[in-house]
Amino acid sequence: MQRAIQLALLGLGNVAPNPMVGCVIVHHDTIIGEGWHKEYGKSHAEVNAIQSVVNQDLLKESTVYVSLEPCSHYGKTPPCADLLIEKQVKKVVVANLDTNPLVAGKGLEKLKNAGIEVETGVLEKEARILNKRFFTFMKKRRPYILLKWAETSDKFVARKNYDSKWISNSHSRTLVHKWRTEEQSIMVGTNTALYDNPQLNVRDWSGKNPIRIVIDKSLKIPLNFHLFDQTQKTICYNLVKDEENHNLAFVRLDADNFLENLLQDLFERKVQSVLVEGGSFLIHKLLEKNYWDEARVFIASQTFQEGIVAPNLCRKPFHIEDIQGDTLFYYSNFL
């Protein structure tokens, strides 16, 4: 199962809004097949693992380890539970049940009814953390929200004029570009967009660009800014207009419960995760409403003496790393 979880991680950034899934097939204590879900809309982990088995006759005496319950419904691909039944595998071991209402135990029920032995709960916690985005999306009916910011050693995220370049070092910035490839979308508030004119794309890493999300209630951001260049899918949430063009959507929301409405719209668009890169006002608001699941905070050695004060999480990090002189703190609010 540990190997199945390792394989599943290879799908990070490519399978959303599906969960990451890995599968290992074992015959008499020997691994004879492996697979993982590589891309949304393509074959699932179980299919890839079964296809990798050279001698298909061995499947009838094999145990299939899969990090998430095999699907039981027709979506982009046929049900994996049906394939396992067709191959007459001996046993299926599952880490987590699928909380998608379309599955939710139905896959295991199919297997049991077909006479296949089923075991659940193996490395359950590890597999749940693996799919923290998917489980949050299904349970809370909103995207998994990952907050990221850099602050000085005297606790400022920007100078008084909102200038924040560059607090963290080049190694930390490269790591952030890697993170952009792993999340489905990236979000900033109005001030960050106005003062930084960010591209919010992937430049220092290899991978696909996230969906850009910008909050601009009064449509203050000039249309010639990078965010509106239509080089990647972008959604601008505002109070003024609804308009959809190629790769650019303006979505009007009611002023009341603006953030709640925004997260609901992202849920309906099947956006499973959001990397929030600023600014300070937006991050403070998300923390205040407890709309966050993880935070990654860089603390650099430099000082500003005065400026925009950094958010305060008031909790202990679960992990700390040194990034060539910057200290990176990881915080979790995932249930």
C-alpha atoms as a PDB file:
ATOM      1  CA  MET A   1       0.000   0.000   0.000  1.00  0.00           C
ATOM      2  CA  GLN A   2       2.905   2.339   0.685  1.00  0.00           C
ATOM      3  CA  ARG A   3       4.060   1.711  -2.883  1.00  0.00           C
ATOM      4  CA  ALA A   4       0.536   2.387  -4.176  1.00  0.00           C
ATOM      5  CA  ILE A   5       0.565   5.765  -2.388  1.00  0.00           C
ATOM      6  CA  GLN A   6       3.999   6.578  -3.871  1.00  0.00           C
ATOM      7  CA  LEU A   7       2.674   5.805  -7.341  1.00  0.00           C
ATOM      8  CA  ALA A   8      -0.473   7.862  -6.780  1.00  0.00           C
ATOM      9  CA  LEU A   9       1.613  10.961  -6.039  1.00  0.00           C
ATOM     10  CA  LEU A  10       2.982  10.849  -9.576  1.00  0.00           C
ATOM     11  CA  GLY A  11      -0.408  12.128 -10.719  1.00  0.00           C
ATOM     12  CA  LEU A  12      -0.178  15.332  -8.642  1.00  0.00           C
ATOM     13  CA  GLY A  13      -1.230  18.328 -10.709  1.00  0.00           C
ATOM     14  CA  ASN A  14      -2.591  16.273 -13.616  1.00  0.00           C
ATOM     15  CA  VAL A  15      -5.667  14.372 -12.409  1.00  0.00           C
ATOM     16  CA  ALA A  16      -7.867  16.982 -10.674  1.00  0.00           C
ATOM     17  CA  PRO A  17     -10.767  17.082 -10.101  1.00  0.00           C
ATOM     18  CA  ASN A  18     -10.253  13.321  -9.806  1.00  0.00           C
ATOM     19  CA  PRO A  19      -8.356  11.931  -6.801  1.00  0.00           C
ATOM     20  CA  MET A  20      -4.801  10.633  -7.081  1.00  0.00           C
ATOM     21  CA  VAL A  21      -4.812   6.829  -7.084  1.00  0.00           C
ATOM     22  CA  GLY A  22      -2.073   4.204  -7.186  1.00  0.00           C
ATOM     23  CA  CYS A  23      -2.418   0.444  -7.625  1.00  0.00           C
ATOM     24  CA  VAL A  24      -0.066  -2.492  -6.979  1.00  0.00           C
ATOM     25  CA  ILE A  25      -0.818  -6.112  -7.930  1.00  0.00           C
ATOM     26  CA  VAL A  26       0.856  -8.858  -5.900  1.00  0.00           C
ATOM     27  CA  HIS A  27       1.090 -12.586  -6.708  1.00  0.00           C
ATOM     28  CA  HIS A  28       2.589 -14.802  -3.978  1.00  0.00           C
ATOM     29  CA  ASP A  29       4.482 -11.892  -2.354  1.00  0.00           C
ATOM     30  CA  THR A  30       5.859 -10.662  -5.694  1.00  0.00           C
ATOM     31  CA  ILE A  31       4.751  -7.453  -7.386  1.00  0.00           C
ATOM     32  CA  ILE A  32       3.632  -8.330 -10.906  1.00  0.00           C
ATOM     33  CA  GLY A  33       1.888  -5.080 -11.857  1.00  0.00           C
ATOM     34  CA  GLU A  34       1.811  -1.370 -11.013  1.00  0.00           C
ATOM     35  CA  GLY A  35      -0.093   1.655 -12.225  1.00  0.00           C
ATOM     36  CA  TRP A  36      -1.419   5.066 -11.313  1.00  0.00           C
ATOM     37  CA  HIS A  37      -3.970   7.559 -12.593  1.00  0.00           C
ATOM     38  CA  LYS A  38      -1.827   9.746 -14.855  1.00  0.00           C
ATOM     39  CA  GLU A  39      -4.212  12.304 -16.301  1.00  0.00           C
ATOM     40  CA  TYR A  40      -7.828  13.419 -15.904  1.00  0.00           C
ATOM     41  CA  GLY A  41     -10.001  11.679 -18.469  1.00  0.00           C
ATOM     42  CA  LYS A  42      -7.454   8.911 -19.071  1.00  0.00           C
ATOM     43  CA  SER A  43      -7.426   5.349 -17.695  1.00  0.00           C
ATOM     44  CA  HIS A  44      -7.469   4.827 -13.929  1.00  0.00           C
ATOM     45  CA  ALA A  45      -4.789   3.253 -11.750  1.00  0.00           C
ATOM     46  CA  GLU A  46      -6.352  -0.221 -11.711  1.00  0.00           C
ATOM     47  CA  VAL A  47      -6.561  -0.337 -15.506  1.00  0.00           C
ATOM     48  CA  ASN A  48      -2.929   0.721 -15.919  1.00  0.00           C
ATOM     49  CA  ALA A  49      -1.773  -1.794 -13.293  1.00  0.00           C
ATOM     50  CA  ILE A  50      -3.679  -4.691 -14.881  1.00  0.00           C
ATOM     51  CA  GLN A  51      -2.364  -3.776 -18.338  1.00  0.00           C
ATOM     52  CA  SER A  52       1.198  -3.930 -16.965  1.00  0.00           C
ATOM     53  CA  VAL A  53       0.816  -7.587 -15.889  1.00  0.00           C
ATOM     54  CA  VAL A  54       2.601  -9.798 -18.430  1.00  0.00           C
ATOM     55  CA  ASN A  55       0.858 -13.062 -17.499  1.00  0.00           C
ATOM     56  CA  GLN A  56      -2.840 -12.202 -17.093  1.00  0.00           C
ATOM     57  CA  ASP A  57      -3.605 -15.740 -15.851  1.00  0.00           C
ATOM     58  CA  LEU A  58      -1.879 -14.843 -12.566  1.00  0.00           C
ATOM     59  CA  LEU A  59      -4.548 -12.238 -11.755  1.00  0.00           C
ATOM     60  CA  LYS A  60      -6.939 -14.928 -10.500  1.00  0.00           C
ATOM     61  CA  GLU A  61      -4.504 -15.687  -7.672  1.00  0.00           C
ATOM     62  CA  SER A  62      -3.423 -12.105  -7.008  1.00  0.00           C
ATOM     63  CA  THR A  63      -4.143  -9.382  -4.467  1.00  0.00           C
ATOM     64  CA  VAL A  64      -4.779  -5.863  -5.732  1.00  0.00           C
ATOM     65  CA  TYR A  65      -3.686  -3.005  -3.442  1.00  0.00           C
ATOM     66  CA  VAL A  66      -5.326   0.302  -4.341  1.00  0.00           C
ATOM     67  CA  SER A  67      -5.112   3.587  -2.433  1.00  0.00           C
ATOM     68  CA  LEU A  68      -8.788   4.478  -3.035  1.00  0.00           C
ATOM     69  CA  GLU A  69     -11.939   2.432  -3.484  1.00  0.00           C
ATOM     70  CA  PRO A  70     -12.342   1.298  -7.122  1.00  0.00           C
ATOM     71  CA  CYS A  71     -15.019   3.300  -8.933  1.00  0.00           C
ATOM     72  CA  SER A  72     -18.361   1.689  -9.656  1.00  0.00           C
ATOM     73  CA  HIS A  73     -19.847   4.143 -12.158  1.00  0.00           C
ATOM     74  CA  TYR A  74     -19.352   5.221 -15.744  1.00  0.00           C
ATOM     75  CA  GLY A  75     -17.615   8.592 -15.950  1.00  0.00           C
ATOM     76  CA  LYS A  76     -14.843   9.455 -18.387  1.00  0.00           C
ATOM     77  CA  THR A  77     -13.892   5.761 -18.200  1.00  0.00           C
ATOM     78  CA  PRO A  78     -15.718   2.457 -17.395  1.00  0.00           C
ATOM     79  CA  PRO A  79     -15.989   1.252 -13.757  1.00  0.00           C
ATOM     80  CA  CYS A  80     -12.744  -0.176 -12.358  1.00  0.00           C
ATOM     81  CA  ALA A  81     -14.721  -2.496 -10.056  1.00  0.00           C
ATOM     82  CA  ASP A  82     -16.168  -4.192 -13.140  1.00  0.00           C
ATOM     83  CA  LEU A  83     -12.692  -4.754 -14.583  1.00  0.00           C
ATOM     84  CA  LEU A  84     -11.447  -6.358 -11.341  1.00  0.00           C
ATOM     85  CA  ILE A  85     -14.484  -8.647 -11.369  1.00  0.00           C
ATOM     86  CA  GLU A  86     -13.919  -9.507 -15.019  1.00  0.00           C
ATOM     87  CA  LYS A  87     -10.296 -10.469 -14.260  1.00  0.00           C
ATOM     88  CA  GLN A  88     -11.487 -12.522 -11.244  1.00  0.00           C
ATOM     89  CA  VAL A  89      -8.819 -11.188  -8.893  1.00  0.00           C
ATOM     90  CA  LYS A  90      -8.596 -13.008  -5.581  1.00  0.00           C
ATOM     91  CA  LYS A  91      -8.538 -10.071  -3.158  1.00  0.00           C
ATOM     92  CA  VAL A  92      -8.687  -6.268  -3.139  1.00  0.00           C
ATOM     93  CA  VAL A  93      -7.091  -4.203  -0.365  1.00  0.00           C
ATOM     94  CA  VAL A  94      -8.187  -0.558  -0.120  1.00  0.00           C
ATOM     95  CA  ALA A  95      -6.809   2.331   1.964  1.00  0.00           C
ATOM     96  CA  ASN A  96      -9.724   4.815   1.758  1.00  0.00           C
ATOM     97  CA  LEU A  97     -13.371   4.613   0.826  1.00  0.00           C
ATOM     98  CA  ASP A  98     -14.348   7.028  -1.939  1.00  0.00           C
ATOM     99  CA  THR A  99     -16.520   9.847  -0.547  1.00  0.00           C
ATOM    100  CA  ASN A 100     -17.817  10.752  -3.992  1.00  0.00           C
ATOM    101  CA  PRO A 101     -21.592  10.029  -3.745  1.00  0.00           C
ATOM    102  CA  LEU A 102     -21.360   8.240  -7.105  1.00  0.00           C
ATOM    103  CA  VAL A 103     -19.080   5.637  -5.488  1.00  0.00           C
ATOM    104  CA  ALA A 104     -19.281   5.776  -1.646  1.00  0.00           C
ATOM    105  CA  GLY A 105     -19.016   2.065  -0.900  1.00  0.00           C
ATOM    106  CA  LYS A 106     -20.712   0.860  -4.079  1.00  0.00           C
ATOM    107  CA  GLY A 107     -17.411  -0.266  -5.581  1.00  0.00           C
ATOM    108  CA  LEU A 108     -16.580  -2.500  -2.633  1.00  0.00           C
ATOM    109  CA  GLU A 109     -20.139  -3.821  -2.560  1.00  0.00           C
ATOM    110  CA  LYS A 110     -19.816  -4.867  -6.210  1.00  0.00           C
ATOM    111  CA  LEU A 111     -16.558  -6.689  -5.479  1.00  0.00           C
ATOM    112  CA  LYS A 112     -17.979  -8.514  -2.453  1.00  0.00           C
ATOM    113  CA  ASN A 113     -21.099  -9.540  -4.355  1.00  0.00           C
ATOM    114  CA  ALA A 114     -18.833 -11.043  -6.999  1.00  0.00           C
ATOM    115  CA  GLY A 115     -17.094 -13.175  -4.371  1.00  0.00           C
ATOM    116  CA  ILE A 116     -13.875 -11.143  -4.174  1.00  0.00           C
ATOM    117  CA  GLU A 117     -12.343 -10.793  -0.707  1.00  0.00           C
ATOM    118  CA  VAL A 118     -12.089  -7.145   0.376  1.00  0.00           C
ATOM    119  CA  GLU A 119      -9.990  -5.491   3.090  1.00  0.00           C
ATOM    120  CA  THR A 120     -10.126  -1.791   3.973  1.00  0.00           C
ATOM    121  CA  GLY A 121      -8.323   0.768   6.137  1.00  0.00           C
ATOM    122  CA  VAL A 122      -4.712  -0.168   5.315  1.00  0.00           C
ATOM    123  CA  LEU A 123      -2.563   3.006   5.675  1.00  0.00           C
ATOM    124  CA  GLU A 124      -5.834   4.902   5.860  1.00  0.00           C
ATOM    125  CA  LYS A 125      -4.374   8.101   7.355  1.00  0.00           C
ATOM    126  CA  GLU A 126      -1.496   8.308   4.865  1.00  0.00           C
ATOM    127  CA  ALA A 127      -3.844   7.804   1.921  1.00  0.00           C
ATOM    128  CA  ARG A 128      -6.263  10.400   3.290  1.00  0.00           C
ATOM    129  CA  ILE A 129      -3.487  12.997   3.479  1.00  0.00           C
ATOM    130  CA  LEU A 130      -2.474  12.044  -0.063  1.00  0.00           C
ATOM    131  CA  ASN A 131      -5.947  13.034  -1.289  1.00  0.00           C
ATOM    132  CA  LYS A 132      -6.525  15.956   1.085  1.00  0.00           C
ATOM    133  CA  ARG A 133      -7.634  18.106  -1.870  1.00  0.00           C
ATOM    134  CA  PHE A 134     -10.212  15.587  -3.087  1.00  0.00           C
ATOM    135  CA  PHE A 135     -11.643  14.824   0.373  1.00  0.00           C
ATOM    136  CA  THR A 136     -11.915  18.524   1.250  1.00  0.00           C
ATOM    137  CA  PHE A 137     -13.639  19.234  -2.072  1.00  0.00           C
ATOM    138  CA  MET A 138     -16.180  16.456  -1.452  1.00  0.00           C
ATOM    139  CA  LYS A 139     -16.804  17.139   2.246  1.00  0.00           C
ATOM    140  CA  LYS A 140     -16.767  20.959   2.374  1.00  0.00           C
ATOM    141  CA  ARG A 141     -18.056  21.518  -1.169  1.00  0.00           C
ATOM    142  CA  ARG A 142     -15.340  24.044  -1.890  1.00  0.00           C
ATOM    143  CA  PRO A 143     -11.756  23.876  -3.158  1.00  0.00           C
ATOM    144  CA  TYR A 144      -8.826  22.912  -0.940  1.00  0.00           C
ATOM    145  CA  ILE A 145      -7.346  26.296   0.028  1.00  0.00           C
ATOM    146  CA  LEU A 146      -3.578  26.581   0.332  1.00  0.00           C
ATOM    147  CA  LEU A 147      -2.249  29.905   1.627  1.00  0.00           C
ATOM    148  CA  LYS A 148       1.275  30.995   0.747  1.00  0.00           C
ATOM    149  CA  TRP A 149       3.201  34.089   1.697  1.00  0.00           C
ATOM    150  CA  ALA A 150       6.722  35.302   2.451  1.00  0.00           C
ATOM    151  CA  GLU A 151       7.503  37.560   5.378  1.00  0.00           C
ATOM    152  CA  THR A 152      10.543  39.352   6.742  1.00  0.00           C
ATOM    153  CA  SER A 153      12.123  38.368  10.027  1.00  0.00           C
ATOM    154  CA  ASP A 154      10.342  41.356  11.623  1.00  0.00           C
ATOM    155  CA  LYS A 155       6.938  40.077  10.382  1.00  0.00           C
ATOM    156  CA  PHE A 156       6.106  42.197   7.331  1.00  0.00           C
ATOM    157  CA  VAL A 157       4.837  40.901   3.972  1.00  0.00           C
ATOM    158  CA  ALA A 158       5.392  44.174   2.083  1.00  0.00           C
ATOM    159  CA  ARG A 159       6.604  47.735   2.508  1.00  0.00           C
ATOM    160  CA  LYS A 160       4.150  50.569   3.137  1.00  0.00           C
ATOM    161  CA  ASN A 161       3.844  51.145  -0.618  1.00  0.00           C
ATOM    162  CA  TYR A 162       2.864  47.432  -0.992  1.00  0.00           C
ATOM    163  CA  ASP A 163       6.197  46.569  -2.617  1.00  0.00           C
ATOM    164  CA  SER A 164       7.102  42.974  -1.690  1.00  0.00           C
ATOM    165  CA  LYS A 165       9.896  42.155  -4.169  1.00  0.00           C
ATOM    166  CA  TRP A 166      11.867  40.221  -3.226  1.00  0.00           C
ATOM    167  CA  ILE A 167      11.461  38.953   0.330  1.00  0.00           C
ATOM    168  CA  SER A 168      12.255  35.289  -0.282  1.00  0.00           C
ATOM    169  CA  ASN A 169      15.306  34.048  -2.180  1.00  0.00           C
ATOM    170  CA  SER A 170      15.482  32.585  -5.694  1.00  0.00           C
ATOM    171  CA  HIS A 171      15.385  28.979  -4.413  1.00  0.00           C
ATOM    172  CA  SER A 172      12.143  29.673  -2.550  1.00  0.00           C
ATOM    173  CA  ARG A 173      10.647  31.326  -5.626  1.00  0.00           C
ATOM    174  CA  THR A 174      11.516  28.295  -7.756  1.00  0.00           C
ATOM    175  CA  LEU A 175       9.758  26.075  -5.215  1.00  0.00           C
ATOM    176  CA  VAL A 176       6.648  28.253  -5.488  1.00  0.00           C
ATOM    177  CA  HIS A 177       6.604  27.720  -9.260  1.00  0.00           C
ATOM    178  CA  LYS A 178       6.704  23.978  -8.611  1.00  0.00           C
ATOM    179  CA  TRP A 179       3.701  24.376  -6.293  1.00  0.00           C
ATOM    180  CA  ARG A 180       1.838  26.230  -9.057  1.00  0.00           C
ATOM    181  CA  THR A 181       2.047  23.119 -11.243  1.00  0.00           C
ATOM    182  CA  GLU A 182       0.546  21.014  -8.439  1.00  0.00           C
ATOM    183  CA  GLU A 183      -2.618  23.037  -7.786  1.00  0.00           C
ATOM    184  CA  GLN A 184      -5.561  23.518 -10.108  1.00  0.00           C
ATOM    185  CA  SER A 185      -5.782  27.276  -9.620  1.00  0.00           C
ATOM    186  CA  ILE A 186      -3.987  30.296  -8.181  1.00  0.00           C
ATOM    187  CA  MET A 187      -5.692  33.324  -6.598  1.00  0.00           C
ATOM    188  CA  VAL A 188      -4.787  36.940  -5.770  1.00  0.00           C
ATOM    189  CA  GLY A 189      -6.679  39.971  -4.523  1.00  0.00           C
ATOM    190  CA  THR A 190      -7.042  43.394  -6.125  1.00  0.00           C
ATOM    191  CA  ASN A 191      -4.078  45.131  -4.478  1.00  0.00           C
ATOM    192  CA  THR A 192      -1.631  42.357  -5.325  1.00  0.00           C
ATOM    193  CA  ALA A 193      -2.767  42.470  -8.947  1.00  0.00           C
ATOM    194  CA  LEU A 194      -2.523  46.274  -9.114  1.00  0.00           C
ATOM    195  CA  TYR A 195       0.852  46.665  -7.423  1.00  0.00           C
ATOM    196  CA  ASP A 196       2.646  43.576  -8.753  1.00  0.00           C
ATOM    197  CA  ASN A 197       1.008  43.033 -12.173  1.00  0.00           C
ATOM    198  CA  PRO A 198       1.723  39.294 -11.719  1.00  0.00           C
ATOM    199  CA  GLN A 199       1.664  36.702 -14.511  1.00  0.00           C
ATOM    200  CA  LEU A 200       0.697  33.831 -12.151  1.00  0.00           C
ATOM    201  CA  ASN A 201       2.093  31.275 -14.582  1.00  0.00           C
ATOM    202  CA  VAL A 202       4.814  28.620 -14.410  1.00  0.00           C
ATOM    203  CA  ARG A 203       8.242  29.853 -15.491  1.00  0.00           C
ATOM    204  CA  ASP A 204      10.876  28.292 -13.235  1.00  0.00           C
ATOM    205  CA  TRP A 205       9.527  24.729 -13.357  1.00  0.00           C
ATOM    206  CA  SER A 206       8.067  22.277 -15.847  1.00  0.00           C
ATOM    207  CA  GLY A 207       4.295  21.770 -15.758  1.00  0.00           C
ATOM    208  CA  LYS A 208       0.972  23.238 -16.757  1.00  0.00           C
ATOM    209  CA  ASN A 209      -0.218  26.684 -15.750  1.00  0.00           C
ATOM    210  CA  PRO A 210      -2.948  26.898 -13.096  1.00  0.00           C
ATOM    211  CA  ILE A 211      -6.266  28.655 -13.652  1.00  0.00           C
ATOM    212  CA  ARG A 212      -5.785  32.295 -12.612  1.00  0.00           C
ATOM    213  CA  ILE A 213      -8.372  33.679 -10.175  1.00  0.00           C
ATOM    214  CA  VAL A 214      -8.468  37.368  -9.336  1.00  0.00           C
ATOM    215  CA  ILE A 215     -10.822  39.299  -7.067  1.00  0.00           C
ATOM    216  CA  ASP A 216     -11.521  42.751  -8.515  1.00  0.00           C
ATOM    217  CA  LYS A 217     -14.881  43.897  -7.175  1.00  0.00           C
ATOM    218  CA  SER A 218     -14.924  47.293  -8.903  1.00  0.00           C
ATOM    219  CA  LEU A 219     -12.904  46.260 -11.991  1.00  0.00           C
ATOM    220  CA  LYS A 220      -9.970  48.534 -11.163  1.00  0.00           C
ATOM    221  CA  ILE A 221      -7.310  46.377 -12.813  1.00  0.00           C
ATOM    222  CA  PRO A 222      -6.370  47.625 -16.320  1.00  0.00           C
ATOM    223  CA  LEU A 223      -7.224  45.218 -19.128  1.00  0.00           C
ATOM    224  CA  ASN A 224      -3.656  45.428 -20.454  1.00  0.00           C
ATOM    225  CA  PHE A 225      -2.279  43.750 -17.290  1.00  0.00           C
ATOM    226  CA  HIS A 226      -0.807  40.246 -17.511  1.00  0.00           C
ATOM    227  CA  LEU A 227      -3.808  38.665 -15.793  1.00  0.00           C
ATOM    228  CA  PHE A 228      -6.045  39.518 -18.750  1.00  0.00           C
ATOM    229  CA  ASP A 229      -3.689  38.522 -21.581  1.00  0.00           C
ATOM    230  CA  GLN A 230      -5.748  35.335 -22.229  1.00  0.00           C
ATOM    231  CA  THR A 231      -2.617  33.161 -22.360  1.00  0.00           C
ATOM    232  CA  GLN A 232      -4.175  30.921 -19.704  1.00  0.00           C
ATOM    233  CA  LYS A 233      -7.646  30.427 -18.277  1.00  0.00           C
ATOM    234  CA  THR A 234      -8.543  33.309 -15.943  1.00  0.00           C
ATOM    235  CA  ILE A 235     -11.617  34.088 -13.825  1.00  0.00           C
ATOM    236  CA  CYS A 236     -12.203  37.603 -12.489  1.00  0.00           C
ATOM    237  CA  TYR A 237     -14.801  37.772  -9.695  1.00  0.00           C
ATOM    238  CA  ASN A 238     -16.465  41.172  -9.411  1.00  0.00           C
ATOM    239  CA  LEU A 239     -19.654  43.087  -8.536  1.00  0.00           C
ATOM    240  CA  VAL A 240     -20.176  44.622 -11.987  1.00  0.00           C
ATOM    241  CA  LYS A 241     -20.513  42.242 -14.932  1.00  0.00           C
ATOM    242  CA  ASP A 242     -20.775  38.739 -16.331  1.00  0.00           C
ATOM    243  CA  GLU A 243     -18.786  38.226 -19.508  1.00  0.00           C
ATOM    244  CA  GLU A 244     -17.017  35.220 -21.034  1.00  0.00           C
ATOM    245  CA  ASN A 245     -14.334  35.401 -23.714  1.00  0.00           C
ATOM    246  CA  HIS A 246     -11.591  33.033 -24.807  1.00  0.00           C
ATOM    247  CA  ASN A 247      -9.741  31.982 -21.638  1.00  0.00           C
ATOM    248  CA  LEU A 248     -11.172  34.958 -19.721  1.00  0.00           C
ATOM    249  CA  ALA A 249     -14.356  35.040 -17.653  1.00  0.00           C
ATOM    250  CA  PHE A 250     -15.761  37.940 -15.641  1.00  0.00           C
ATOM    251  CA  VAL A 251     -18.152  36.542 -13.039  1.00  0.00           C
ATOM    252  CA  ARG A 252     -20.441  38.907 -11.146  1.00  0.00           C
ATOM    253  CA  LEU A 253     -21.258  37.938  -7.571  1.00  0.00           C
ATOM    254  CA  ASP A 254     -23.512  39.492  -4.947  1.00  0.00           C
ATOM    255  CA  ALA A 255     -21.729  41.688  -2.426  1.00  0.00           C
ATOM    256  CA  ASP A 256     -23.284  39.763   0.462  1.00  0.00           C
ATOM    257  CA  ASN A 257     -21.303  36.599   1.220  1.00  0.00           C
ATOM    258  CA  PHE A 258     -18.905  37.406  -1.616  1.00  0.00           C
ATOM    259  CA  LEU A 259     -16.225  34.893  -0.594  1.00  0.00           C
ATOM    260  CA  GLU A 260     -18.760  32.159   0.047  1.00  0.00           C
ATOM    261  CA  ASN A 261     -20.296  32.742  -3.386  1.00  0.00           C
ATOM    262  CA  LEU A 262     -16.854  32.707  -4.996  1.00  0.00           C
ATOM    263  CA  LEU A 263     -15.949  29.357  -3.420  1.00  0.00           C
ATOM    264  CA  GLN A 264     -19.340  27.941  -4.407  1.00  0.00           C
ATOM    265  CA  ASP A 265     -18.781  28.989  -8.012  1.00  0.00           C
ATOM    266  CA  LEU A 266     -15.327  27.366  -8.028  1.00  0.00           C
ATOM    267  CA  PHE A 267     -16.874  24.183  -6.623  1.00  0.00           C
ATOM    268  CA  GLU A 268     -19.459  24.164  -9.398  1.00  0.00           C
ATOM    269  CA  ARG A 269     -16.638  24.631 -11.926  1.00  0.00           C
ATOM    270  CA  LYS A 270     -14.920  21.573 -10.372  1.00  0.00           C
ATOM    271  CA  VAL A 271     -11.878  23.546  -9.266  1.00  0.00           C
ATOM    272  CA  GLN A 272     -10.480  21.243  -6.596  1.00  0.00           C
ATOM    273  CA  SER A 273      -7.652  23.353  -5.160  1.00  0.00           C
ATOM    274  CA  VAL A 274      -6.573  27.000  -4.907  1.00  0.00           C
ATOM    275  CA  LEU A 275      -3.096  28.341  -4.155  1.00  0.00           C
ATOM    276  CA  VAL A 276      -3.628  31.790  -2.620  1.00  0.00           C
ATOM    277  CA  GLU A 277      -0.590  34.005  -3.245  1.00  0.00           C
ATOM    278  CA  GLY A 278      -1.893  37.229  -1.739  1.00  0.00           C
ATOM    279  CA  GLY A 279      -2.391  39.780  -0.788  1.00  0.00           C
ATOM    280  CA  SER A 280      -2.434  40.345   2.908  1.00  0.00           C
ATOM    281  CA  PHE A 281      -6.078  41.531   3.036  1.00  0.00           C
ATOM    282  CA  LEU A 282      -7.344  38.441   1.186  1.00  0.00           C
ATOM    283  CA  ILE A 283      -5.309  36.051   3.321  1.00  0.00           C
ATOM    284  CA  HIS A 284      -6.474  37.751   6.527  1.00  0.00           C
ATOM    285  CA  LYS A 285     -10.097  37.447   5.361  1.00  0.00           C
ATOM    286  CA  LEU A 286      -9.721  33.736   4.549  1.00  0.00           C
ATOM    287  CA  LEU A 287      -8.092  33.100   7.940  1.00  0.00           C
ATOM    288  CA  GLU A 288     -10.811  35.084   9.715  1.00  0.00           C
ATOM    289  CA  LYS A 289     -13.532  32.939   8.126  1.00  0.00           C
ATOM    290  CA  ASN A 290     -11.484  29.753   8.579  1.00  0.00           C
ATOM    291  CA  TYR A 291     -11.517  29.172   4.818  1.00  0.00           C
ATOM    292  CA  TRP A 292      -8.117  27.545   4.627  1.00  0.00           C
ATOM    293  CA  ASP A 293      -6.689  24.028   4.784  1.00  0.00           C
ATOM    294  CA  GLU A 294      -2.935  24.513   4.589  1.00  0.00           C
ATOM    295  CA  ALA A 295      -0.432  27.370   4.812  1.00  0.00           C
ATOM    296  CA  ARG A 296       3.174  27.556   3.671  1.00  0.00           C
ATOM    297  CA  VAL A 297       5.101  30.515   5.036  1.00  0.00           C
ATOM    298  CA  PHE A 298       8.614  31.615   4.089  1.00  0.00           C
ATOM    299  CA  ILE A 299      10.490  33.689   6.665  1.00  0.00           C
ATOM    300  CA  ALA A 300      13.518  35.510   5.260  1.00  0.00           C
ATOM    301  CA  SER A 301      16.428  37.064   7.128  1.00  0.00           C
ATOM    302  CA  GLN A 302      15.896  40.606   5.858  1.00  0.00           C
ATOM    303  CA  THR A 303      13.923  43.285   7.735  1.00  0.00           C
ATOM    304  CA  PHE A 304      11.631  46.155   6.645  1.00  0.00           C
ATOM    305  CA  GLN A 305      11.199  47.937  10.045  1.00  0.00           C
ATOM    306  CA  GLU A 306       7.700  48.986   8.925  1.00  0.00           C
ATOM    307  CA  GLY A 307       5.115  47.990   6.339  1.00  0.00           C
ATOM    308  CA  ILE A 308       2.172  45.614   5.827  1.00  0.00           C
ATOM    309  CA  VAL A 309       1.979  43.248   8.808  1.00  0.00           C
ATOM    310  CA  ALA A 310       2.085  39.505   8.117  1.00  0.00           C
ATOM    311  CA  PRO A 311      -0.831  37.229   9.099  1.00  0.00           C
ATOM    312  CA  ASN A 312      -0.517  35.358  12.393  1.00  0.00           C
ATOM    313  CA  LEU A 313      -1.619  31.711  12.426  1.00  0.00           C
ATOM    314  CA  CYS A 314      -1.311  31.233  16.204  1.00  0.00           C
ATOM    315  CA  ARG A 315      -0.477  27.534  15.891  1.00  0.00           C
ATOM    316  CA  LYS A 316       2.510  25.261  15.587  1.00  0.00           C
ATOM    317  CA  PRO A 317       3.805  24.178  12.180  1.00  0.00           C
ATOM    318  CA  PHE A 318       3.779  20.463  11.386  1.00  0.00           C
ATOM    319  CA  HIS A 319       6.992  20.719   9.360  1.00  0.00           C
ATOM    320  CA  ILE A 320       9.914  23.159   8.970  1.00  0.00           C
ATOM    321  CA  GLU A 321      12.509  23.288   6.167  1.00  0.00           C
ATOM    322  CA  ASP A 322      15.572  25.374   5.398  1.00  0.00           C
ATOM    323  CA  ILE A 323      15.477  26.713   1.817  1.00  0.00           C
ATOM    324  CA  GLN A 324      19.021  28.003   1.328  1.00  0.00           C
ATOM    325  CA  GLY A 325      18.665  30.516   4.164  1.00  0.00           C
ATOM    326  CA  ASP A 326      14.902  31.072   4.069  1.00  0.00           C
ATOM    327  CA  THR A 327      12.916  29.103   6.661  1.00  0.00           C
ATOM    328  CA  LEU A 328       9.755  27.451   5.331  1.00  0.00           C
ATOM    329  CA  PHE A 329       6.958  26.645   7.792  1.00  0.00           C
ATOM    330  CA  TYR A 330       4.115  24.256   6.894  1.00  0.00           C
ATOM    331  CA  TYR A 331       0.779  24.554   8.743  1.00  0.00           C
ATOM    332  CA  SER A 332      -2.274  22.305   8.419  1.00  0.00           C
ATOM    333  CA  ASN A 333      -5.973  22.953   8.962  1.00  0.00           C
ATOM    334  CA  PHE A 334      -7.023  19.799   7.108  1.00  0.00           C
ATOM    335  CA  LEU A 335      -9.534  17.578   8.915  1.00  0.00           C
END
